[in-house]
């Protein structure tokens, strides 16, 4: 079964790294408390450029992804992440194969 997935590339403004990480953790806490939480959330940081992060979140179905997008707390935290960055590139995908999660 294909699952929707979000991937975002973030370039954090200098001096905002700690707040970015704190906000990302707060967002993860909100998402994991949703009635149908994501199947997985991942945040990685580039070893070549410490200002660059990437996030990956996969959902059990499109309705779960839409519920996340409509959640007021999640939207507020996502908007805060954007303001902490000089650049970001969100993309949407489908998970067609993974060895992670159920």
PDB file of N, CA and C in Angstrom:
ATOM      1  N   UNK A   1       0.842  -1.187   0.000  1.00  0.00           N
ATOM      2  CA  UNK A   1       0.000   0.000   0.000  1.00  0.00           C
ATOM      3  C   UNK A   1       0.887   1.250   0.000  1.00  0.00           C
ATOM      4  N   UNK A   2       0.614   2.159  -0.884  1.00  0.00           N
ATOM      5  CA  UNK A   2       1.381   3.397  -0.955  1.00  0.00           C
ATOM      6  C   UNK A   2       0.930   4.344   0.155  1.00  0.00           C
ATOM      7  N   UNK A   3       1.902   5.024   0.769  1.00  0.00           N
ATOM      8  CA  UNK A   3       1.608   5.966   1.842  1.00  0.00           C
ATOM      9  C   UNK A   3       2.141   7.334   1.445  1.00  0.00           C
ATOM     10  N   UNK A   4       1.394   8.399   1.773  1.00  0.00           N
ATOM     11  CA  UNK A   4       1.916   9.734   1.474  1.00  0.00           C
ATOM     12  C   UNK A   4       3.096  10.063   2.384  1.00  0.00           C
ATOM     13  N   UNK A   5       3.980  10.876   1.857  1.00  0.00           N
ATOM     14  CA  UNK A   5       5.212  11.214   2.557  1.00  0.00           C
ATOM     15  C   UNK A   5       5.565  12.661   2.243  1.00  0.00           C
ATOM     16  N   UNK A   6       6.039  13.371   3.245  1.00  0.00           N
ATOM     17  CA  UNK A   6       6.528  14.736   3.028  1.00  0.00           C
ATOM     18  C   UNK A   6       8.029  14.754   3.226  1.00  0.00           C
ATOM     19  N   UNK A   7       8.712  15.502   2.385  1.00  0.00           N
ATOM     20  CA  UNK A   7      10.158  15.707   2.515  1.00  0.00           C
ATOM     21  C   UNK A   7      10.390  17.204   2.334  1.00  0.00           C
ATOM     22  N   UNK A   8      11.149  17.780   3.250  1.00  0.00           N
ATOM     23  CA  UNK A   8      11.425  19.214   3.156  1.00  0.00           C
ATOM     24  C   UNK A   8      12.912  19.459   3.401  1.00  0.00           C
ATOM     25  N   UNK A   9      13.485  20.308   2.572  1.00  0.00           N
ATOM     26  CA  UNK A   9      14.872  20.755   2.690  1.00  0.00           C
ATOM     27  C   UNK A   9      14.808  22.142   3.310  1.00  0.00           C
ATOM     28  N   UNK A  10      15.579  22.365   4.373  1.00  0.00           N
ATOM     29  CA  UNK A  10      15.568  23.623   5.111  1.00  0.00           C
ATOM     30  C   UNK A  10      16.991  24.204   5.208  1.00  0.00           C
ATOM     31  N   UNK A  11      17.141  25.491   4.947  1.00  0.00           N
ATOM     32  CA  UNK A  11      18.392  26.199   5.249  1.00  0.00           C
ATOM     33  C   UNK A  11      18.071  27.185   6.369  1.00  0.00           C
ATOM     34  N   UNK A  12      18.603  26.902   7.568  1.00  0.00           N
ATOM     35  CA  UNK A  12      18.308  27.691   8.759  1.00  0.00           C
ATOM     36  C   UNK A  12      19.175  28.942   8.767  1.00  0.00           C
ATOM     37  N   UNK A  13      18.548  30.070   9.113  1.00  0.00           N
ATOM     38  CA  UNK A  13      19.295  31.332   9.215  1.00  0.00           C
ATOM     39  C   UNK A  13      20.329  31.222  10.332  1.00  0.00           C
ATOM     40  N   UNK A  14      21.516  31.800  10.123  1.00  0.00           N
ATOM     41  CA  UNK A  14      22.562  31.745  11.157  1.00  0.00           C
ATOM     42  C   UNK A  14      22.030  32.237  12.508  1.00  0.00           C
ATOM     43  N   UNK A  15      22.364  31.493  13.543  1.00  0.00           N
ATOM     44  CA  UNK A  15      21.936  31.845  14.889  1.00  0.00           C
ATOM     45  C   UNK A  15      20.581  31.286  15.294  1.00  0.00           C
ATOM     46  N   UNK A  16      19.866  30.667  14.357  1.00  0.00           N
ATOM     47  CA  UNK A  16      18.535  30.140  14.645  1.00  0.00           C
ATOM     48  C   UNK A  16      18.496  28.618  14.781  1.00  0.00           C
ATOM     49  N   UNK A  17      19.663  27.986  14.771  1.00  0.00           N
ATOM     50  CA  UNK A  17      19.706  26.521  14.777  1.00  0.00           C
ATOM     51  C   UNK A  17      19.036  25.922  16.017  1.00  0.00           C
ATOM     52  N   UNK A  18      19.336  26.455  17.197  1.00  0.00           N
ATOM     53  CA  UNK A  18      18.772  25.898  18.440  1.00  0.00           C
ATOM     54  C   UNK A  18      17.253  26.044  18.452  1.00  0.00           C
ATOM     55  N   UNK A  19      16.744  27.206  18.054  1.00  0.00           N
ATOM     56  CA  UNK A  19      15.286  27.393  18.019  1.00  0.00           C
ATOM     57  C   UNK A  19      14.649  26.505  16.960  1.00  0.00           C
ATOM     58  N   UNK A  20      15.319  26.331  15.822  1.00  0.00           N
ATOM     59  CA  UNK A  20      14.811  25.445  14.779  1.00  0.00           C
ATOM     60  C   UNK A  20      14.660  24.022  15.336  1.00  0.00           C
ATOM     61  N   UNK A  21      15.701  23.526  16.005  1.00  0.00           N
ATOM     62  CA  UNK A  21      15.650  22.175  16.564  1.00  0.00           C
ATOM     63  C   UNK A  21      14.566  22.052  17.625  1.00  0.00           C
ATOM     64  N   UNK A  22      14.458  23.055  18.496  1.00  0.00           N
ATOM     65  CA  UNK A  22      13.420  23.033  19.531  1.00  0.00           C
ATOM     66  C   UNK A  22      12.029  23.024  18.898  1.00  0.00           C
ATOM     67  N   UNK A  23      11.817  23.855  17.897  1.00  0.00           N
ATOM     68  CA  UNK A  23      10.520  23.931  17.225  1.00  0.00           C
ATOM     69  C   UNK A  23      10.206  22.628  16.498  1.00  0.00           C
ATOM     70  N   UNK A  24      11.209  22.043  15.860  1.00  0.00           N
ATOM     71  CA  UNK A  24      11.006  20.762  15.169  1.00  0.00           C
ATOM     72  C   UNK A  24      10.615  19.671  16.166  1.00  0.00           C
ATOM     73  N   UNK A  25      11.247  19.653  17.335  1.00  0.00           N
ATOM     74  CA  UNK A  25      10.886  18.670  18.365  1.00  0.00           C
ATOM     75  C   UNK A  25       9.470  18.904  18.878  1.00  0.00           C
ATOM     76  N   UNK A  26       9.104  20.162  19.066  1.00  0.00           N
ATOM     77  CA  UNK A  26       7.734  20.482  19.509  1.00  0.00           C
ATOM     78  C   UNK A  26       6.716  20.055  18.459  1.00  0.00           C
ATOM     79  N   UNK A  27       7.037  20.267  17.190  1.00  0.00           N
ATOM     80  CA  UNK A  27       6.147  19.833  16.115  1.00  0.00           C
ATOM     81  C   UNK A  27       5.997  18.315  16.135  1.00  0.00           C
ATOM     82  N   UNK A  28       7.088  17.603  16.300  1.00  0.00           N
ATOM     83  CA  UNK A  28       7.019  16.139  16.351  1.00  0.00           C
ATOM     84  C   UNK A  28       6.121  15.691  17.497  1.00  0.00           C
ATOM     85  N   UNK A  29       6.227  16.352  18.657  1.00  0.00           N
ATOM     86  CA  UNK A  29       5.371  16.007  19.789  1.00  0.00           C
ATOM     87  C   UNK A  29       3.896  16.192  19.442  1.00  0.00           C
ATOM     88  N   UNK A  30       3.575  17.310  18.780  1.00  0.00           N
ATOM     89  CA  UNK A  30       2.187  17.574  18.361  1.00  0.00           C
ATOM     90  C   UNK A  30       1.722  16.495  17.386  1.00  0.00           C
ATOM     91  N   UNK A  31       2.542  16.190  16.397  1.00  0.00           N
ATOM     92  CA  UNK A  31       2.141  15.216  15.380  1.00  0.00           C
ATOM     93  C   UNK A  31       1.938  13.826  15.968  1.00  0.00           C
ATOM     94  N   UNK A  32       2.768  13.457  16.921  1.00  0.00           N
ATOM     95  CA  UNK A  32       2.641  12.122  17.502  1.00  0.00           C
ATOM     96  C   UNK A  32       1.435  12.004  18.427  1.00  0.00           C
ATOM     97  N   UNK A  33       0.799  13.127  18.774  1.00  0.00           N
ATOM     98  CA  UNK A  33      -0.422  13.099  19.585  1.00  0.00           C
ATOM     99  C   UNK A  33      -1.688  13.175  18.732  1.00  0.00           C
ATOM    100  N   UNK A  34      -1.550  13.274  17.408  1.00  0.00           N
ATOM    101  CA  UNK A  34      -2.731  13.276  16.544  1.00  0.00           C
ATOM    102  C   UNK A  34      -3.463  11.949  16.674  1.00  0.00           C
ATOM    103  N   UNK A  35      -4.778  11.913  16.393  1.00  0.00           N
ATOM    104  CA  UNK A  35      -5.525  10.660  16.480  1.00  0.00           C
ATOM    105  C   UNK A  35      -4.900   9.532  15.647  1.00  0.00           C
ATOM    106  N   UNK A  36      -4.372   9.859  14.482  1.00  0.00           N
ATOM    107  CA  UNK A  36      -3.653   8.900  13.638  1.00  0.00           C
ATOM    108  C   UNK A  36      -2.280   9.494  13.347  1.00  0.00           C
ATOM    109  N   UNK A  37      -1.327   9.305  14.262  1.00  0.00           N
ATOM    110  CA  UNK A  37      -0.019   9.941  14.106  1.00  0.00           C
ATOM    111  C   UNK A  37       0.745   9.392  12.907  1.00  0.00           C
ATOM    112  N   UNK A  38       1.723  10.156  12.446  1.00  0.00           N
ATOM    113  CA  UNK A  38       2.556   9.687  11.336  1.00  0.00           C
ATOM    114  C   UNK A  38       3.191   8.342  11.665  1.00  0.00           C
ATOM    115  N   UNK A  39       3.507   7.599  10.625  1.00  0.00           N
ATOM    116  CA  UNK A  39       4.181   6.323  10.799  1.00  0.00           C
ATOM    117  C   UNK A  39       5.651   6.489  11.087  1.00  0.00           C
ATOM    118  N   UNK A  40       6.182   7.662  10.819  1.00  0.00           N
ATOM    119  CA  UNK A  40       7.587   7.918  11.091  1.00  0.00           C
ATOM    120  C   UNK A  40       7.927   9.370  10.816  1.00  0.00           C
ATOM    121  N   UNK A  41       8.819   9.912  11.628  1.00  0.00           N
ATOM    122  CA  UNK A  41       9.315  11.275  11.450  1.00  0.00           C
ATOM    123  C   UNK A  41      10.828  11.228  11.583  1.00  0.00           C
ATOM    124  N   UNK A  42      11.523  11.893  10.668  1.00  0.00           N
ATOM    125  CA  UNK A  42      12.977  11.909  10.703  1.00  0.00           C
ATOM    126  C   UNK A  42      13.470  13.325  10.413  1.00  0.00           C
ATOM    127  N   UNK A  43      14.470  13.760  11.187  1.00  0.00           N
ATOM    128  CA  UNK A  43      15.146  15.035  10.953  1.00  0.00           C
ATOM    129  C   UNK A  43      16.626  14.733  10.837  1.00  0.00           C
ATOM    130  N   UNK A  44      17.234  15.150   9.734  1.00  0.00           N
ATOM    131  CA  UNK A  44      18.671  14.953   9.538  1.00  0.00           C
ATOM    132  C   UNK A  44      19.327  16.303   9.279  1.00  0.00           C
ATOM    133  N   UNK A  45      20.618  16.383   9.631  1.00  0.00           N
ATOM    134  CA  UNK A  45      21.412  17.591   9.422  1.00  0.00           C
ATOM    135  C   UNK A  45      22.583  17.244   8.523  1.00  0.00           C
ATOM    136  N   UNK A  46      22.867  18.107   7.572  1.00  0.00           N
ATOM    137  CA  UNK A  46      23.983  17.904   6.658  1.00  0.00           C
ATOM    138  C   UNK A  46      25.311  17.936   7.410  1.00  0.00           C
ATOM    139  N   UNK A  47      26.195  17.023   7.062  1.00  0.00           N
ATOM    140  CA  UNK A  47      27.537  17.053   7.644  1.00  0.00           C
ATOM    141  C   UNK A  47      28.433  18.039   6.891  1.00  0.00           C
ATOM    142  N   UNK A  48      28.031  18.445   5.699  1.00  0.00           N
ATOM    143  CA  UNK A  48      28.810  19.383   4.893  1.00  0.00           C
ATOM    144  C   UNK A  48      28.425  20.836   5.154  1.00  0.00           C
ATOM    145  N   UNK A  49      27.176  21.068   5.570  1.00  0.00           N
ATOM    146  CA  UNK A  49      26.686  22.420   5.818  1.00  0.00           C
ATOM    147  C   UNK A  49      25.701  22.331   6.981  1.00  0.00           C
ATOM    148  N   UNK A  50      26.140  22.711   8.172  1.00  0.00           N
ATOM    149  CA  UNK A  50      25.338  22.534   9.382  1.00  0.00           C
ATOM    150  C   UNK A  50      24.074  23.382   9.416  1.00  0.00           C
ATOM    151  N   UNK A  51      23.915  24.299   8.479  1.00  0.00           N
ATOM    152  CA  UNK A  51      22.694  25.097   8.397  1.00  0.00           C
ATOM    153  C   UNK A  51      21.596  24.362   7.630  1.00  0.00           C
ATOM    154  N   UNK A  52      21.943  23.253   6.987  1.00  0.00           N
ATOM    155  CA  UNK A  52      20.989  22.526   6.145  1.00  0.00           C
ATOM    156  C   UNK A  52      20.443  21.308   6.890  1.00  0.00           C
ATOM    157  N   UNK A  53      19.111  21.219   6.906  1.00  0.00           N
ATOM    158  CA  UNK A  53      18.401  20.100   7.512  1.00  0.00           C
ATOM    159  C   UNK A  53      17.423  19.549   6.492  1.00  0.00           C
ATOM    160  N   UNK A  54      17.035  18.313   6.675  1.00  0.00           N
ATOM    161  CA  UNK A  54      15.972  17.721   5.877  1.00  0.00           C
ATOM    162  C   UNK A  54      15.048  16.962   6.807  1.00  0.00           C
ATOM    163  N   UNK A  55      13.756  17.054   6.524  1.00  0.00           N
ATOM    164  CA  UNK A  55      12.768  16.324   7.303  1.00  0.00           C
ATOM    165  C   UNK A  55      12.040  15.348   6.386  1.00  0.00           C
ATOM    166  N   UNK A  56      11.649  14.245   6.983  1.00  0.00           N
ATOM    167  CA  UNK A  56      10.894  13.212   6.284  1.00  0.00           C
ATOM    168  C   UNK A  56       9.807  12.729   7.222  1.00  0.00           C
ATOM    169  N   UNK A  57       8.591  12.754   6.751  1.00  0.00           N
ATOM    170  CA  UNK A  57       7.475  12.225   7.535  1.00  0.00           C
ATOM    171  C   UNK A  57       6.576  11.403   6.633  1.00  0.00           C
ATOM    172  N   UNK A  58       6.243  10.193   7.073  1.00  0.00           N
ATOM    173  CA  UNK A  58       5.313   9.410   6.265  1.00  0.00           C
ATOM    174  C   UNK A  58       4.061   9.122   7.065  1.00  0.00           C
ATOM    175  N   UNK A  59       2.972   9.037   6.345  1.00  0.00           N
ATOM    176  CA  UNK A  59       1.648   8.935   6.937  1.00  0.00           C
ATOM    177  C   UNK A  59       0.970   7.660   6.449  1.00  0.00           C
ATOM    178  N   UNK A  60       0.012   7.185   7.214  1.00  0.00           N
ATOM    179  CA  UNK A  60      -0.670   5.934   6.873  1.00  0.00           C
ATOM    180  C   UNK A  60      -1.648   6.106   5.707  1.00  0.00           C
ATOM    181  N   UNK A  61      -2.119   7.316   5.497  1.00  0.00           N
ATOM    182  CA  UNK A  61      -3.042   7.587   4.402  1.00  0.00           C
ATOM    183  C   UNK A  61      -3.155   9.079   4.159  1.00  0.00           C
ATOM    184  N   UNK A  62      -3.723   9.436   3.032  1.00  0.00           N
ATOM    185  CA  UNK A  62      -3.859  10.848   2.664  1.00  0.00           C
ATOM    186  C   UNK A  62      -4.696  11.615   3.691  1.00  0.00           C
ATOM    187  N   UNK A  63      -5.713  10.963   4.256  1.00  0.00           N
ATOM    188  CA  UNK A  63      -6.553  11.635   5.253  1.00  0.00           C
ATOM    189  C   UNK A  63      -5.752  12.003   6.499  1.00  0.00           C
ATOM    190  N   UNK A  64      -4.768  11.183   6.867  1.00  0.00           N
ATOM    191  CA  UNK A  64      -3.919  11.495   8.019  1.00  0.00           C
ATOM    192  C   UNK A  64      -3.003  12.680   7.719  1.00  0.00           C
ATOM    193  N   UNK A  65      -2.482  12.743   6.505  1.00  0.00           N
ATOM    194  CA  UNK A  65      -1.659  13.880   6.093  1.00  0.00           C
ATOM    195  C   UNK A  65      -2.491  15.162   6.109  1.00  0.00           C
ATOM    196  N   UNK A  66      -3.712  15.095   5.603  1.00  0.00           N
ATOM    197  CA  UNK A  66      -4.584  16.275   5.587  1.00  0.00           C
ATOM    198  C   UNK A  66      -4.950  16.714   7.003  1.00  0.00           C
ATOM    199  N   UNK A  67      -5.168  15.757   7.898  1.00  0.00           N
ATOM    200  CA  UNK A  67      -5.470  16.094   9.296  1.00  0.00           C
ATOM    201  C   UNK A  67      -4.302  16.844   9.922  1.00  0.00           C
ATOM    202  N   UNK A  68      -3.080  16.429   9.617  1.00  0.00           N
ATOM    203  CA  UNK A  68      -1.903  17.125  10.115  1.00  0.00           C
ATOM    204  C   UNK A  68      -1.880  18.549   9.582  1.00  0.00           C
ATOM    205  N   UNK A  69      -2.157  18.707   8.314  1.00  0.00           N
ATOM    206  CA  UNK A  69      -2.114  20.034   7.692  1.00  0.00           C
ATOM    207  C   UNK A  69      -3.192  20.965   8.251  1.00  0.00           C
ATOM    208  N   UNK A  70      -4.286  20.401   8.749  1.00  0.00           N
ATOM    209  CA  UNK A  70      -5.386  21.204   9.294  1.00  0.00           C
ATOM    210  C   UNK A  70      -5.258  21.466  10.784  1.00  0.00           C
ATOM    211  N   UNK A  71      -4.331  20.807  11.461  1.00  0.00           N
ATOM    212  CA  UNK A  71      -4.162  20.973  12.899  1.00  0.00           C
ATOM    213  C   UNK A  71      -3.546  22.344  13.187  1.00  0.00           C
ATOM    214  N   UNK A  72      -4.229  23.141  14.007  1.00  0.00           N
ATOM    215  CA  UNK A  72      -3.780  24.509  14.279  1.00  0.00           C
ATOM    216  C   UNK A  72      -2.393  24.558  14.912  1.00  0.00           C
ATOM    217  N   UNK A  73      -2.128  23.685  15.879  1.00  0.00           N
ATOM    218  CA  UNK A  73      -0.815  23.684  16.530  1.00  0.00           C
ATOM    219  C   UNK A  73       0.287  23.315  15.544  1.00  0.00           C
ATOM    220  N   UNK A  74       0.034  22.309  14.718  1.00  0.00           N
ATOM    221  CA  UNK A  74       1.027  21.896  13.721  1.00  0.00           C
ATOM    222  C   UNK A  74       1.284  23.018  12.723  1.00  0.00           C
ATOM    223  N   UNK A  75       0.222  23.669  12.280  1.00  0.00           N
ATOM    224  CA  UNK A  75       0.380  24.768  11.311  1.00  0.00           C
ATOM    225  C   UNK A  75       1.206  25.908  11.894  1.00  0.00           C
ATOM    226  N   UNK A  76       0.938  26.253  13.151  1.00  0.00           N
ATOM    227  CA  UNK A  76       1.679  27.329  13.809  1.00  0.00           C
ATOM    228  C   UNK A  76       3.165  26.988  13.897  1.00  0.00           C
ATOM    229  N   UNK A  77       3.476  25.758  14.292  1.00  0.00           N
ATOM    230  CA  UNK A  77       4.881  25.352  14.400  1.00  0.00           C
ATOM    231  C   UNK A  77       5.555  25.263  13.038  1.00  0.00           C
ATOM    232  N   UNK A  78       4.851  24.773  12.032  1.00  0.00           N
ATOM    233  CA  UNK A  78       5.417  24.737  10.676  1.00  0.00           C
ATOM    234  C   UNK A  78       5.717  26.156  10.184  1.00  0.00           C
ATOM    235  N   UNK A  79       4.792  27.076  10.445  1.00  0.00           N
ATOM    236  CA  UNK A  79       5.019  28.464  10.034  1.00  0.00           C
ATOM    237  C   UNK A  79       6.233  29.051  10.761  1.00  0.00           C
ATOM    238  N   UNK A  80       6.429  28.681  12.025  1.00  0.00           N
ATOM    239  CA  UNK A  80       7.594  29.166  12.774  1.00  0.00           C
ATOM    240  C   UNK A  80       8.885  28.619  12.179  1.00  0.00           C
ATOM    241  N   UNK A  81       8.877  27.338  11.807  1.00  0.00           N
ATOM    242  CA  UNK A  81      10.064  26.759  11.165  1.00  0.00           C
ATOM    243  C   UNK A  81      10.434  27.541   9.910  1.00  0.00           C
ATOM    244  N   UNK A  82       9.435  27.885   9.122  1.00  0.00           N
ATOM    245  CA  UNK A  82       9.688  28.631   7.878  1.00  0.00           C
ATOM    246  C   UNK A  82      10.339  29.974   8.181  1.00  0.00           C
ATOM    247  N   UNK A  83       9.871  30.662   9.232  1.00  0.00           N
ATOM    248  CA  UNK A  83      10.435  31.985   9.537  1.00  0.00           C
ATOM    249  C   UNK A  83      11.878  31.898  10.034  1.00  0.00           C
ATOM    250  N   UNK A  84      12.278  30.738  10.524  1.00  0.00           N
ATOM    251  CA  UNK A  84      13.646  30.556  11.016  1.00  0.00           C
ATOM    252  C   UNK A  84      14.624  30.240   9.888  1.00  0.00           C
ATOM    253  N   UNK A  85      14.099  30.085   8.683  1.00  0.00           N
ATOM    254  CA  UNK A  85      14.917  29.656   7.546  1.00  0.00           C
ATOM    255  C   UNK A  85      15.036  30.746   6.491  1.00  0.00           C
ATOM    256  N   UNK A  86      16.149  30.734   5.783  1.00  0.00           N
ATOM    257  CA  UNK A  86      16.312  31.624   4.639  1.00  0.00           C
ATOM    258  C   UNK A  86      15.783  30.962   3.375  1.00  0.00           C
ATOM    259  N   UNK A  87      15.626  29.649   3.448  1.00  0.00           N
ATOM    260  CA  UNK A  87      15.172  28.895   2.277  1.00  0.00           C
ATOM    261  C   UNK A  87      14.579  27.570   2.767  1.00  0.00           C
ATOM    262  N   UNK A  88      13.525  27.122   2.096  1.00  0.00           N
ATOM    263  CA  UNK A  88      12.986  25.795   2.367  1.00  0.00           C
ATOM    264  C   UNK A  88      12.290  25.295   1.115  1.00  0.00           C
ATOM    265  N   UNK A  89      12.310  23.981   0.941  1.00  0.00           N
ATOM    266  CA  UNK A  89      11.706  23.356  -0.246  1.00  0.00           C
ATOM    267  C   UNK A  89      10.880  22.140   0.180  1.00  0.00           C
ATOM    268  N   UNK A  90       9.564  22.323   0.361  1.00  0.00           N
ATOM    269  CA  UNK A  90       8.730  21.170   0.703  1.00  0.00           C
ATOM    270  C   UNK A  90       8.340  20.393  -0.558  1.00  0.00           C
ATOM    271  N   UNK A  91       8.291  19.080  -0.434  1.00  0.00           N
ATOM    272  CA  UNK A  91       7.851  18.231  -1.538  1.00  0.00           C
ATOM    273  C   UNK A  91       6.960  17.127  -0.983  1.00  0.00           C
ATOM    274  N   UNK A  92       6.095  16.601  -1.822  1.00  0.00           N
ATOM    275  CA  UNK A  92       5.203  15.509  -1.431  1.00  0.00           C
ATOM    276  C   UNK A  92       5.523  14.281  -2.277  1.00  0.00           C
ATOM    277  N   UNK A  93       5.436  13.122  -1.645  1.00  0.00           N
ATOM    278  CA  UNK A  93       5.801  11.866  -2.297  1.00  0.00           C
ATOM    279  C   UNK A  93       4.866  10.751  -1.842  1.00  0.00           C
ATOM    280  N   UNK A  94       5.089   9.588  -2.366  1.00  0.00           N
ATOM    281  CA  UNK A  94       4.442   8.360  -1.911  1.00  0.00           C
ATOM    282  C   UNK A  94       5.529   7.379  -1.520  1.00  0.00           C
ATOM    283  N   UNK A  95       5.384   6.759  -0.358  1.00  0.00           N
ATOM    284  CA  UNK A  95       6.302   5.692   0.032  1.00  0.00           C
ATOM    285  C   UNK A  95       5.840   4.446  -0.709  1.00  0.00           C
ATOM    286  N   UNK A  96       6.690   3.891  -1.535  1.00  0.00           N
ATOM    287  CA  UNK A  96       6.336   2.674  -2.268  1.00  0.00           C
ATOM    288  C   UNK A  96       7.114   1.460  -1.753  1.00  0.00           C
ATOM    289  N   UNK A  97       8.171   1.730  -0.973  1.00  0.00           N
ATOM    290  CA  UNK A  97       8.924   0.631  -0.363  1.00  0.00           C
ATOM    291  C   UNK A  97       9.721   1.185   0.801  1.00  0.00           C
ATOM    292  N   UNK A  98       9.734   0.468   1.903  1.00  0.00           N
ATOM    293  CA  UNK A  98      10.531   0.864   3.052  1.00  0.00           C
ATOM    294  C   UNK A  98      10.748  -0.348   3.935  1.00  0.00           C
ATOM    295  N   UNK A  99      11.904  -0.399   4.548  1.00  0.00           N
ATOM    296  CA  UNK A  99      12.150  -1.450   5.538  1.00  0.00           C
ATOM    297  C   UNK A  99      11.852  -0.933   6.938  1.00  0.00           C
ATOM    298  N   UNK A 100      11.490   0.359   7.064  1.00  0.00           N
ATOM    299  CA  UNK A 100      11.201   0.951   8.367  1.00  0.00           C
ATOM    300  C   UNK A 100       9.707   0.905   8.649  1.00  0.00           C
ATOM    301  N   UNK A 101       9.374   0.714   9.906  1.00  0.00           N
ATOM    302  CA  UNK A 101       7.984   0.795  10.341  1.00  0.00           C
ATOM    303  C   UNK A 101       7.118  -0.348   9.860  1.00  0.00           C
ATOM    304  N   UNK A 102       5.866  -0.317  10.327  1.00  0.00           N
ATOM    305  CA  UNK A 102       4.930  -1.399   9.958  1.00  0.00           C
ATOM    306  C   UNK A 102       4.464  -1.309   8.519  1.00  0.00           C
TER     307      UNK A 102
END
